[in-house]
């Protein structure tokens, strides 16, 4: 299912627009792919019990879509928004990320996986 959504979105972004002046966000194929992704993200949050997430999609330096899902703070019932800033809240997580970034800078790990 994940591969199908990614493939649909990649196809929508790779296919040329009818008019060069037309914005990518106005293309009906992109709108359809974004709608499918929106439904999939909602389902994944419920299935994985993820409290909240914010997503933005950028193409050619243009933000074409953004949305917050769930809660930024579950205890206070604060909704996630596209511009919500999240905290890692784990020193172990921070250490792992910093260690990984250090290895990437030293060319010990590939940057794409």
PDB file of N, CA and C in Angstrom:
ATOM      1  N   UNK A   1       0.823  -1.201   0.000  1.00  0.00           N
ATOM      2  CA  UNK A   1       0.000   0.000   0.000  1.00  0.00           C
ATOM      3  C   UNK A   1       0.865   1.262   0.000  1.00  0.00           C
ATOM      4  N   UNK A   2       1.921   1.256   0.826  1.00  0.00           N
ATOM      5  CA  UNK A   2       2.805   2.414   0.895  1.00  0.00           C
ATOM      6  C   UNK A   2       3.463   2.671  -0.451  1.00  0.00           C
ATOM      7  N   UNK A   3       3.918   1.613  -1.104  1.00  0.00           N
ATOM      8  CA  UNK A   3       4.574   1.779  -2.400  1.00  0.00           C
ATOM      9  C   UNK A   3       3.607   2.334  -3.434  1.00  0.00           C
ATOM     10  N   UNK A   4       2.337   1.923  -3.375  1.00  0.00           N
ATOM     11  CA  UNK A   4       1.344   2.415  -4.332  1.00  0.00           C
ATOM     12  C   UNK A   4       1.131   3.916  -4.155  1.00  0.00           C
ATOM     13  N   UNK A   5       1.059   4.364  -2.923  1.00  0.00           N
ATOM     14  CA  UNK A   5       0.836   5.791  -2.659  1.00  0.00           C
ATOM     15  C   UNK A   5       2.047   6.602  -3.093  1.00  0.00           C
ATOM     16  N   UNK A   6       3.240   6.116  -2.757  1.00  0.00           N
ATOM     17  CA  UNK A   6       4.455   6.822  -3.153  1.00  0.00           C
ATOM     18  C   UNK A   6       4.560   6.862  -4.677  1.00  0.00           C
ATOM     19  N   UNK A   7       4.238   5.742  -5.340  1.00  0.00           N
ATOM     20  CA  UNK A   7       4.300   5.698  -6.804  1.00  0.00           C
ATOM     21  C   UNK A   7       3.296   6.660  -7.433  1.00  0.00           C
ATOM     22  N   UNK A   8       2.082   6.716  -6.882  1.00  0.00           N
ATOM     23  CA  UNK A   8       1.062   7.627  -7.418  1.00  0.00           C
ATOM     24  C   UNK A   8       1.495   9.076  -7.252  1.00  0.00           C
ATOM     25  N   UNK A   9       2.070   9.400  -6.101  1.00  0.00           N
ATOM     26  CA  UNK A   9       2.501  10.766  -5.859  1.00  0.00           C
ATOM     27  C   UNK A   9       3.698  11.119  -6.740  1.00  0.00           C
ATOM     28  N   UNK A  10       4.644  10.181  -6.879  1.00  0.00           N
ATOM     29  CA  UNK A  10       5.807  10.427  -7.735  1.00  0.00           C
ATOM     30  C   UNK A  10       5.385  10.607  -9.186  1.00  0.00           C
ATOM     31  N   UNK A  11       4.421   9.817  -9.650  1.00  0.00           N
ATOM     32  CA  UNK A  11       3.919   9.956 -11.019  1.00  0.00           C
ATOM     33  C   UNK A  11       3.282  11.321 -11.215  1.00  0.00           C
ATOM     34  N   UNK A  12       2.493  11.752 -10.239  1.00  0.00           N
ATOM     35  CA  UNK A  12       1.824  13.055 -10.351  1.00  0.00           C
ATOM     36  C   UNK A  12       2.837  14.187 -10.405  1.00  0.00           C
ATOM     37  N   UNK A  13       3.923  14.072  -9.649  1.00  0.00           N
ATOM     38  CA  UNK A  13       4.941  15.123  -9.654  1.00  0.00           C
ATOM     39  C   UNK A  13       5.804  15.084 -10.916  1.00  0.00           C
ATOM     40  N   UNK A  14       6.005  13.901 -11.476  1.00  0.00           N
ATOM     41  CA  UNK A  14       6.886  13.763 -12.632  1.00  0.00           C
ATOM     42  C   UNK A  14       6.199  14.070 -13.947  1.00  0.00           C
ATOM     43  N   UNK A  15       4.882  13.962 -13.994  1.00  0.00           N
ATOM     44  CA  UNK A  15       4.144  14.194 -15.224  1.00  0.00           C
ATOM     45  C   UNK A  15       4.062  15.686 -15.495  1.00  0.00           C
ATOM     46  N   UNK A  16       4.385  16.129 -16.726  1.00  0.00           N
ATOM     47  CA  UNK A  16       4.341  17.564 -17.029  1.00  0.00           C
ATOM     48  C   UNK A  16       2.927  18.136 -16.901  1.00  0.00           C
ATOM     49  N   UNK A  17       2.869  19.381 -16.533  1.00  0.00           N
ATOM     50  CA  UNK A  17       1.585  20.069 -16.413  1.00  0.00           C
ATOM     51  C   UNK A  17       1.093  20.505 -17.784  1.00  0.00           C
ATOM     52  N   UNK A  18      -0.213  20.729 -17.875  1.00  0.00           N
ATOM     53  CA  UNK A  18      -0.803  21.156 -19.137  1.00  0.00           C
ATOM     54  C   UNK A  18      -0.294  22.536 -19.544  1.00  0.00           C
ATOM     55  N   UNK A  19      -0.108  23.408 -18.603  1.00  0.00           N
ATOM     56  CA  UNK A  19       0.341  24.765 -18.883  1.00  0.00           C
ATOM     57  C   UNK A  19       1.533  25.089 -17.995  1.00  0.00           C
ATOM     58  N   UNK A  20       2.601  25.690 -18.546  1.00  0.00           N
ATOM     59  CA  UNK A  20       3.765  26.003 -17.724  1.00  0.00           C
ATOM     60  C   UNK A  20       3.449  26.967 -16.585  1.00  0.00           C
ATOM     61  N   UNK A  21       2.435  27.812 -16.740  1.00  0.00           N
ATOM     62  CA  UNK A  21       2.093  28.788 -15.711  1.00  0.00           C
ATOM     63  C   UNK A  21       1.243  28.168 -14.602  1.00  0.00           C
ATOM     64  N   UNK A  22       0.702  26.982 -14.847  1.00  0.00           N
ATOM     65  CA  UNK A  22      -0.166  26.341 -13.870  1.00  0.00           C
ATOM     66  C   UNK A  22       0.651  25.862 -12.671  1.00  0.00           C
ATOM     67  N   UNK A  23       0.159  26.130 -11.477  1.00  0.00           N
ATOM     68  CA  UNK A  23       0.824  25.684 -10.264  1.00  0.00           C
ATOM     69  C   UNK A  23       0.625  24.184 -10.102  1.00  0.00           C
ATOM     70  N   UNK A  24       1.624  23.528  -9.538  1.00  0.00           N
ATOM     71  CA  UNK A  24       1.541  22.095  -9.330  1.00  0.00           C
ATOM     72  C   UNK A  24       0.386  21.738  -8.400  1.00  0.00           C
ATOM     73  N   UNK A  25       0.127  22.568  -7.416  1.00  0.00           N
ATOM     74  CA  UNK A  25      -0.956  22.263  -6.474  1.00  0.00           C
ATOM     75  C   UNK A  25      -2.331  22.327  -7.139  1.00  0.00           C
ATOM     76  N   UNK A  26      -2.449  22.983  -8.312  1.00  0.00           N
ATOM     77  CA  UNK A  26      -3.731  23.068  -9.016  1.00  0.00           C
ATOM     78  C   UNK A  26      -3.956  21.906  -9.978  1.00  0.00           C
ATOM     79  N   UNK A  27      -2.932  21.095 -10.205  1.00  0.00           N
ATOM     80  CA  UNK A  27      -3.053  19.969 -11.122  1.00  0.00           C
ATOM     81  C   UNK A  27      -3.973  18.907 -10.501  1.00  0.00           C
ATOM     82  N   UNK A  28      -4.989  18.442 -11.231  1.00  0.00           N
ATOM     83  CA  UNK A  28      -5.925  17.461 -10.663  1.00  0.00           C
ATOM     84  C   UNK A  28      -5.270  16.128 -10.303  1.00  0.00           C
ATOM     85  N   UNK A  29      -4.218  15.733 -11.016  1.00  0.00           N
ATOM     86  CA  UNK A  29      -3.530  14.480 -10.678  1.00  0.00           C
ATOM     87  C   UNK A  29      -2.803  14.604  -9.346  1.00  0.00           C
ATOM     88  N   UNK A  30      -2.202  15.761  -9.107  1.00  0.00           N
ATOM     89  CA  UNK A  30      -1.520  15.989  -7.836  1.00  0.00           C
ATOM     90  C   UNK A  30      -2.547  16.053  -6.712  1.00  0.00           C
ATOM     91  N   UNK A  31      -3.655  16.734  -6.954  1.00  0.00           N
ATOM     92  CA  UNK A  31      -4.714  16.813  -5.944  1.00  0.00           C
ATOM     93  C   UNK A  31      -5.223  15.421  -5.588  1.00  0.00           C
ATOM     94  N   UNK A  32      -5.363  14.570  -6.581  1.00  0.00           N
ATOM     95  CA  UNK A  32      -5.818  13.201  -6.342  1.00  0.00           C
ATOM     96  C   UNK A  32      -4.792  12.420  -5.524  1.00  0.00           C
ATOM     97  N   UNK A  33      -3.510  12.567  -5.857  1.00  0.00           N
ATOM     98  CA  UNK A  33      -2.448  11.885  -5.112  1.00  0.00           C
ATOM     99  C   UNK A  33      -2.375  12.397  -3.676  1.00  0.00           C
ATOM    100  N   UNK A  34      -2.553  13.699  -3.486  1.00  0.00           N
ATOM    101  CA  UNK A  34      -2.535  14.273  -2.143  1.00  0.00           C
ATOM    102  C   UNK A  34      -3.723  13.781  -1.324  1.00  0.00           C
ATOM    103  N   UNK A  35      -4.870  13.646  -1.960  1.00  0.00           N
ATOM    104  CA  UNK A  35      -6.059  13.134  -1.276  1.00  0.00           C
ATOM    105  C   UNK A  35      -5.817  11.695  -0.824  1.00  0.00           C
ATOM    106  N   UNK A  36      -5.228  10.881  -1.690  1.00  0.00           N
ATOM    107  CA  UNK A  36      -4.915   9.502  -1.346  1.00  0.00           C
ATOM    108  C   UNK A  36      -3.913   9.449  -0.196  1.00  0.00           C
ATOM    109  N   UNK A  37      -2.896  10.292  -0.248  1.00  0.00           N
ATOM    110  CA  UNK A  37      -1.915  10.330   0.821  1.00  0.00           C
ATOM    111  C   UNK A  37      -2.543  10.780   2.135  1.00  0.00           C
ATOM    112  N   UNK A  38      -3.444  11.749   2.070  1.00  0.00           N
ATOM    113  CA  UNK A  38      -4.131  12.242   3.258  1.00  0.00           C
ATOM    114  C   UNK A  38      -4.898  11.112   3.945  1.00  0.00           C
ATOM    115  N   UNK A  39      -5.617  10.336   3.165  1.00  0.00           N
ATOM    116  CA  UNK A  39      -6.362   9.197   3.717  1.00  0.00           C
ATOM    117  C   UNK A  39      -5.418   8.157   4.315  1.00  0.00           C
ATOM    118  N   UNK A  40      -4.303   7.904   3.620  1.00  0.00           N
ATOM    119  CA  UNK A  40      -3.341   6.916   4.095  1.00  0.00           C
ATOM    120  C   UNK A  40      -2.697   7.359   5.411  1.00  0.00           C
ATOM    121  N   UNK A  41      -2.327   8.636   5.522  1.00  0.00           N
ATOM    122  CA  UNK A  41      -1.710   9.137   6.756  1.00  0.00           C
ATOM    123  C   UNK A  41      -2.686   9.020   7.913  1.00  0.00           C
ATOM    124  N   UNK A  42      -3.944   9.380   7.687  1.00  0.00           N
ATOM    125  CA  UNK A  42      -4.964   9.228   8.739  1.00  0.00           C
ATOM    126  C   UNK A  42      -5.048   7.781   9.206  1.00  0.00           C
ATOM    127  N   UNK A  43      -5.061   6.856   8.264  1.00  0.00           N
ATOM    128  CA  UNK A  43      -5.155   5.437   8.606  1.00  0.00           C
ATOM    129  C   UNK A  43      -3.908   4.965   9.358  1.00  0.00           C
ATOM    130  N   UNK A  44      -2.725   5.415   8.935  1.00  0.00           N
ATOM    131  CA  UNK A  44      -1.486   5.011   9.591  1.00  0.00           C
ATOM    132  C   UNK A  44      -1.408   5.533  11.024  1.00  0.00           C
ATOM    133  N   UNK A  45      -1.870   6.749  11.257  1.00  0.00           N
ATOM    134  CA  UNK A  45      -1.871   7.286  12.615  1.00  0.00           C
ATOM    135  C   UNK A  45      -2.746   6.423  13.522  1.00  0.00           C
ATOM    136  N   UNK A  46      -3.907   6.034  13.028  1.00  0.00           N
ATOM    137  CA  UNK A  46      -4.803   5.198  13.827  1.00  0.00           C
ATOM    138  C   UNK A  46      -4.196   3.810  14.042  1.00  0.00           C
ATOM    139  N   UNK A  47      -3.665   3.226  12.989  1.00  0.00           N
ATOM    140  CA  UNK A  47      -3.121   1.869  13.065  1.00  0.00           C
ATOM    141  C   UNK A  47      -1.880   1.796  13.952  1.00  0.00           C
ATOM    142  N   UNK A  48      -0.983   2.743  13.810  1.00  0.00           N
ATOM    143  CA  UNK A  48       0.267   2.749  14.568  1.00  0.00           C
ATOM    144  C   UNK A  48       0.140   3.453  15.922  1.00  0.00           C
ATOM    145  N   UNK A  49      -1.040   4.028  16.183  1.00  0.00           N
ATOM    146  CA  UNK A  49      -1.306   4.772  17.428  1.00  0.00           C
ATOM    147  C   UNK A  49      -0.324   5.926  17.622  1.00  0.00           C
ATOM    148  N   UNK A  50      -0.110   6.664  16.557  1.00  0.00           N
ATOM    149  CA  UNK A  50       0.761   7.833  16.586  1.00  0.00           C
ATOM    150  C   UNK A  50      -0.094   9.021  17.019  1.00  0.00           C
ATOM    151  N   UNK A  51       0.302   9.742  18.071  1.00  0.00           N
ATOM    152  CA  UNK A  51      -0.548  10.829  18.565  1.00  0.00           C
ATOM    153  C   UNK A  51      -0.660  12.016  17.613  1.00  0.00           C
ATOM    154  N   UNK A  52       0.404  12.335  16.886  1.00  0.00           N
ATOM    155  CA  UNK A  52       0.332  13.477  15.987  1.00  0.00           C
ATOM    156  C   UNK A  52       1.558  13.596  15.112  1.00  0.00           C
ATOM    157  N   UNK A  53       1.363  14.268  13.981  1.00  0.00           N
ATOM    158  CA  UNK A  53       2.447  14.479  13.025  1.00  0.00           C
ATOM    159  C   UNK A  53       2.083  15.675  12.153  1.00  0.00           C
ATOM    160  N   UNK A  54       3.086  16.374  11.673  1.00  0.00           N
ATOM    161  CA  UNK A  54       2.887  17.466  10.719  1.00  0.00           C
ATOM    162  C   UNK A  54       3.690  17.141   9.471  1.00  0.00           C
ATOM    163  N   UNK A  55       3.069  17.345   8.316  1.00  0.00           N
ATOM    164  CA  UNK A  55       3.706  16.987   7.051  1.00  0.00           C
ATOM    165  C   UNK A  55       3.634  18.167   6.099  1.00  0.00           C
ATOM    166  N   UNK A  56       4.697  18.384   5.352  1.00  0.00           N
ATOM    167  CA  UNK A  56       4.718  19.388   4.293  1.00  0.00           C
ATOM    168  C   UNK A  56       5.378  18.801   3.059  1.00  0.00           C
ATOM    169  N   UNK A  57       4.860  19.131   1.895  1.00  0.00           N
ATOM    170  CA  UNK A  57       5.441  18.667   0.640  1.00  0.00           C
ATOM    171  C   UNK A  57       5.847  19.885  -0.171  1.00  0.00           C
ATOM    172  N   UNK A  58       7.121  19.885  -0.574  1.00  0.00           N
ATOM    173  CA  UNK A  58       7.695  21.001  -1.317  1.00  0.00           C
ATOM    174  C   UNK A  58       8.140  20.493  -2.680  1.00  0.00           C
ATOM    175  N   UNK A  59       7.834  21.259  -3.709  1.00  0.00           N
ATOM    176  CA  UNK A  59       8.312  20.949  -5.056  1.00  0.00           C
ATOM    177  C   UNK A  59       8.853  22.230  -5.666  1.00  0.00           C
ATOM    178  N   UNK A  60      10.102  22.189  -6.091  1.00  0.00           N
ATOM    179  CA  UNK A  60      10.742  23.332  -6.738  1.00  0.00           C
ATOM    180  C   UNK A  60      10.619  24.604  -5.893  1.00  0.00           C
ATOM    181  N   UNK A  61      10.943  24.479  -4.617  1.00  0.00           N
ATOM    182  CA  UNK A  61      10.938  25.596  -3.668  1.00  0.00           C
ATOM    183  C   UNK A  61       9.541  26.133  -3.353  1.00  0.00           C
ATOM    184  N   UNK A  62       8.497  25.416  -3.742  1.00  0.00           N
ATOM    185  CA  UNK A  62       7.119  25.856  -3.470  1.00  0.00           C
ATOM    186  C   UNK A  62       6.444  24.838  -2.558  1.00  0.00           C
ATOM    187  N   UNK A  63       5.909  25.313  -1.440  1.00  0.00           N
ATOM    188  CA  UNK A  63       5.133  24.452  -0.564  1.00  0.00           C
ATOM    189  C   UNK A  63       3.811  24.190  -1.261  1.00  0.00           C
ATOM    190  N   UNK A  64       3.600  22.943  -1.667  1.00  0.00           N
ATOM    191  CA  UNK A  64       2.367  22.648  -2.398  1.00  0.00           C
ATOM    192  C   UNK A  64       1.295  22.043  -1.500  1.00  0.00           C
ATOM    193  N   UNK A  65       1.694  21.570  -0.308  1.00  0.00           N
ATOM    194  CA  UNK A  65       0.701  20.987   0.584  1.00  0.00           C
ATOM    195  C   UNK A  65       1.287  20.847   1.974  1.00  0.00           C
ATOM    196  N   UNK A  66       0.488  21.101   3.000  1.00  0.00           N
ATOM    197  CA  UNK A  66       0.910  20.868   4.382  1.00  0.00           C
ATOM    198  C   UNK A  66      -0.322  20.641   5.238  1.00  0.00           C
ATOM    199  N   UNK A  67      -0.143  19.833   6.268  1.00  0.00           N
ATOM    200  CA  UNK A  67      -1.268  19.529   7.153  1.00  0.00           C
ATOM    201  C   UNK A  67      -0.746  18.948   8.458  1.00  0.00           C
ATOM    202  N   UNK A  68      -1.447  19.236   9.538  1.00  0.00           N
ATOM    203  CA  UNK A  68      -1.167  18.628  10.830  1.00  0.00           C
ATOM    204  C   UNK A  68      -2.221  17.569  11.108  1.00  0.00           C
ATOM    205  N   UNK A  69      -1.790  16.459  11.682  1.00  0.00           N
ATOM    206  CA  UNK A  69      -2.687  15.347  12.018  1.00  0.00           C
ATOM    207  C   UNK A  69      -2.604  15.065  13.505  1.00  0.00           C
ATOM    208  N   UNK A  70      -3.714  14.745  14.113  1.00  0.00           N
ATOM    209  CA  UNK A  70      -3.725  14.339  15.515  1.00  0.00           C
ATOM    210  C   UNK A  70      -3.416  15.483  16.455  1.00  0.00           C
ATOM    211  N   UNK A  71      -2.700  15.131  17.537  1.00  0.00           N
ATOM    212  CA  UNK A  71      -2.424  16.095  18.593  1.00  0.00           C
ATOM    213  C   UNK A  71      -0.933  16.374  18.736  1.00  0.00           C
ATOM    214  N   UNK A  72      -0.603  17.644  18.889  1.00  0.00           N
ATOM    215  CA  UNK A  72       0.769  18.036  19.213  1.00  0.00           C
ATOM    216  C   UNK A  72       1.031  17.760  20.688  1.00  0.00           C
ATOM    217  N   UNK A  73       0.007  17.927  21.511  1.00  0.00           N
ATOM    218  CA  UNK A  73       0.084  17.638  22.950  1.00  0.00           C
ATOM    219  C   UNK A  73      -1.199  16.921  23.334  1.00  0.00           C
ATOM    220  N   UNK A  74      -1.078  15.629  23.580  1.00  0.00           N
ATOM    221  CA  UNK A  74      -2.255  14.806  23.869  1.00  0.00           C
ATOM    222  C   UNK A  74      -2.893  15.214  25.191  1.00  0.00           C
ATOM    223  N   UNK A  75      -2.077  15.463  26.213  1.00  0.00           N
ATOM    224  CA  UNK A  75      -2.618  15.805  27.531  1.00  0.00           C
ATOM    225  C   UNK A  75      -3.435  17.087  27.507  1.00  0.00           C
ATOM    226  N   UNK A  76      -2.983  18.076  26.762  1.00  0.00           N
ATOM    227  CA  UNK A  76      -3.691  19.354  26.687  1.00  0.00           C
ATOM    228  C   UNK A  76      -4.678  19.406  25.528  1.00  0.00           C
ATOM    229  N   UNK A  77      -4.742  18.338  24.725  1.00  0.00           N
ATOM    230  CA  UNK A  77      -5.627  18.261  23.563  1.00  0.00           C
ATOM    231  C   UNK A  77      -5.338  19.385  22.558  1.00  0.00           C
ATOM    232  N   UNK A  78      -4.041  19.712  22.403  1.00  0.00           N
ATOM    233  CA  UNK A  78      -3.613  20.713  21.434  1.00  0.00           C
ATOM    234  C   UNK A  78      -3.443  20.039  20.079  1.00  0.00           C
ATOM    235  N   UNK A  79      -4.189  20.499  19.089  1.00  0.00           N
ATOM    236  CA  UNK A  79      -4.134  19.898  17.765  1.00  0.00           C
ATOM    237  C   UNK A  79      -2.811  20.199  17.072  1.00  0.00           C
ATOM    238  N   UNK A  80      -2.343  19.231  16.295  1.00  0.00           N
ATOM    239  CA  UNK A  80      -1.154  19.434  15.473  1.00  0.00           C
ATOM    240  C   UNK A  80      -1.533  20.307  14.288  1.00  0.00           C
ATOM    241  N   UNK A  81      -0.656  21.229  13.939  1.00  0.00           N
ATOM    242  CA  UNK A  81      -0.864  22.095  12.778  1.00  0.00           C
ATOM    243  C   UNK A  81       0.325  21.927  11.839  1.00  0.00           C
ATOM    244  N   UNK A  82       0.223  22.424  10.619  1.00  0.00           N
ATOM    245  CA  UNK A  82       1.359  22.281   9.697  1.00  0.00           C
ATOM    246  C   UNK A  82       2.649  22.899  10.218  1.00  0.00           C
ATOM    247  N   UNK A  83       2.545  23.947  11.043  1.00  0.00           N
ATOM    248  CA  UNK A  83       3.745  24.632  11.541  1.00  0.00           C
ATOM    249  C   UNK A  83       4.103  24.254  12.978  1.00  0.00           C
ATOM    250  N   UNK A  84       3.553  23.148  13.490  1.00  0.00           N
ATOM    251  CA  UNK A  84       3.859  22.707  14.848  1.00  0.00           C
ATOM    252  C   UNK A  84       5.328  22.285  14.937  1.00  0.00           C
ATOM    253  N   UNK A  85       5.988  22.734  15.999  1.00  0.00           N
ATOM    254  CA  UNK A  85       7.370  22.339  16.261  1.00  0.00           C
ATOM    255  C   UNK A  85       7.337  21.258  17.325  1.00  0.00           C
ATOM    256  N   UNK A  86       7.960  20.129  17.027  1.00  0.00           N
ATOM    257  CA  UNK A  86       7.964  18.990  17.935  1.00  0.00           C
ATOM    258  C   UNK A  86       9.310  18.879  18.630  1.00  0.00           C
ATOM    259  N   UNK A  87       9.283  18.314  19.827  1.00  0.00           N
ATOM    260  CA  UNK A  87      10.503  18.075  20.586  1.00  0.00           C
ATOM    261  C   UNK A  87      10.852  16.593  20.511  1.00  0.00           C
ATOM    262  N   UNK A  88      12.136  16.299  20.481  1.00  0.00           N
ATOM    263  CA  UNK A  88      12.574  14.902  20.475  1.00  0.00           C
ATOM    264  C   UNK A  88      12.292  14.269  21.836  1.00  0.00           C
ATOM    265  N   UNK A  89      12.501  14.999  22.913  1.00  0.00           N
ATOM    266  CA  UNK A  89      12.184  14.578  24.290  1.00  0.00           C
ATOM    267  C   UNK A  89      12.915  13.328  24.740  1.00  0.00           C
ATOM    268  N   UNK A  90      14.008  13.010  24.155  1.00  0.00           N
ATOM    269  CA  UNK A  90      14.752  11.833  24.574  1.00  0.00           C
ATOM    270  C   UNK A  90      16.235  12.089  24.343  1.00  0.00           C
ATOM    271  N   UNK A  91      16.994  12.065  25.412  1.00  0.00           N
ATOM    272  CA  UNK A  91      18.430  12.288  25.253  1.00  0.00           C
ATOM    273  C   UNK A  91      19.060  11.144  24.468  1.00  0.00           C
ATOM    274  N   UNK A  92      18.545   9.920  24.634  1.00  0.00           N
ATOM    275  CA  UNK A  92      19.068   8.801  23.853  1.00  0.00           C
ATOM    276  C   UNK A  92      18.776   8.995  22.375  1.00  0.00           C
ATOM    277  N   UNK A  93      17.583   9.478  22.058  1.00  0.00           N
ATOM    278  CA  UNK A  93      17.230   9.742  20.669  1.00  0.00           C
ATOM    279  C   UNK A  93      18.113  10.823  20.076  1.00  0.00           C
ATOM    280  N   UNK A  94      18.357  11.873  20.871  1.00  0.00           N
ATOM    281  CA  UNK A  94      19.226  12.944  20.402  1.00  0.00           C
ATOM    282  C   UNK A  94      20.639  12.430  20.154  1.00  0.00           C
ATOM    283  N   UNK A  95      21.117  11.589  21.058  1.00  0.00           N
ATOM    284  CA  UNK A  95      22.472  11.033  20.888  1.00  0.00           C
ATOM    285  C   UNK A  95      22.558  10.189  19.628  1.00  0.00           C
ATOM    286  N   UNK A  96      21.527   9.368  19.391  1.00  0.00           N
ATOM    287  CA  UNK A  96      21.536   8.530  18.190  1.00  0.00           C
ATOM    288  C   UNK A  96      21.533   9.373  16.926  1.00  0.00           C
ATOM    289  N   UNK A  97      20.719  10.426  16.910  1.00  0.00           N
ATOM    290  CA  UNK A  97      20.647  11.292  15.732  1.00  0.00           C
ATOM    291  C   UNK A  97      21.980  12.004  15.519  1.00  0.00           C
ATOM    292  N   UNK A  98      22.542  12.552  16.587  1.00  0.00           N
ATOM    293  CA  UNK A  98      23.826  13.249  16.456  1.00  0.00           C
ATOM    294  C   UNK A  98      24.932  12.288  16.033  1.00  0.00           C
ATOM    295  N   UNK A  99      24.920  11.062  16.568  1.00  0.00           N
ATOM    296  CA  UNK A  99      25.915  10.072  16.167  1.00  0.00           C
ATOM    297  C   UNK A  99      25.752   9.744  14.691  1.00  0.00           C
ATOM    298  N   UNK A 100      24.509   9.544  14.236  1.00  0.00           N
ATOM    299  CA  UNK A 100      24.253   9.238  12.841  1.00  0.00           C
ATOM    300  C   UNK A 100      24.686  10.385  11.938  1.00  0.00           C
ATOM    301  N   UNK A 101      24.365  11.630  12.344  1.00  0.00           N
ATOM    302  CA  UNK A 101      24.771  12.788  11.554  1.00  0.00           C
ATOM    303  C   UNK A 101      26.286  12.879  11.462  1.00  0.00           C
ATOM    304  N   UNK A 102      26.976  12.581  12.563  1.00  0.00           N
ATOM    305  CA  UNK A 102      28.430  12.601  12.545  1.00  0.00           C
ATOM    306  C   UNK A 102      28.999  11.565  11.594  1.00  0.00           C
ATOM    307  N   UNK A 103      28.382  10.384  11.538  1.00  0.00           N
ATOM    308  CA  UNK A 103      28.848   9.341  10.640  1.00  0.00           C
ATOM    309  C   UNK A 103      28.561   9.710   9.183  1.00  0.00           C
ATOM    310  N   UNK A 104      27.443  10.377   8.935  1.00  0.00           N
ATOM    311  CA  UNK A 104      27.125  10.800   7.571  1.00  0.00           C
ATOM    312  C   UNK A 104      28.140  11.835   7.105  1.00  0.00           C
ATOM    313  N   UNK A 105      28.463  12.778   7.986  1.00  0.00           N
ATOM    314  CA  UNK A 105      29.434  13.811   7.633  1.00  0.00           C
ATOM    315  C   UNK A 105      30.793  13.173   7.330  1.00  0.00           C
ATOM    316  N   UNK A 106      31.151  12.122   8.059  1.00  0.00           N
ATOM    317  CA  UNK A 106      32.434  11.435   7.842  1.00  0.00           C
ATOM    318  C   UNK A 106      32.353  10.439   6.701  1.00  0.00           C
ATOM    319  N   UNK A 107      31.251  10.393   5.981  1.00  0.00           N
ATOM    320  CA  UNK A 107      31.035   9.451   4.876  1.00  0.00           C
ATOM    321  C   UNK A 107      31.068   8.002   5.314  1.00  0.00           C
ATOM    322  N   UNK A 108      30.650   7.740   6.550  1.00  0.00           N
ATOM    323  CA  UNK A 108      30.605   6.360   7.029  1.00  0.00           C
ATOM    324  C   UNK A 108      29.249   5.714   6.757  1.00  0.00           C
ATOM    325  N   UNK A 109      28.227   6.516   6.608  1.00  0.00           N
ATOM    326  CA  UNK A 109      26.887   5.999   6.324  1.00  0.00           C
ATOM    327  C   UNK A 109      26.368   6.657   5.053  1.00  0.00           C
ATOM    328  N   UNK A 110      25.570   5.921   4.283  1.00  0.00           N
ATOM    329  CA  UNK A 110      24.952   6.555   3.111  1.00  0.00           C
ATOM    330  C   UNK A 110      23.885   7.540   3.561  1.00  0.00           C
ATOM    331  N   UNK A 111      23.712   8.612   2.802  1.00  0.00           N
ATOM    332  CA  UNK A 111      22.702   9.612   3.150  1.00  0.00           C
ATOM    333  C   UNK A 111      21.322   9.217   2.677  1.00  0.00           C
ATOM    334  N   UNK A 112      21.211   8.313   1.726  1.00  0.00           N
ATOM    335  CA  UNK A 112      19.904   7.859   1.282  1.00  0.00           C
ATOM    336  C   UNK A 112      19.786   6.377   1.572  1.00  0.00           C
ATOM    337  N   UNK A 113      18.579   5.988   1.998  1.00  0.00           N
ATOM    338  CA  UNK A 113      18.378   4.566   2.291  1.00  0.00           C
ATOM    339  C   UNK A 113      17.092   4.080   1.705  1.00  0.00           C
TER     340      UNK A 113
END
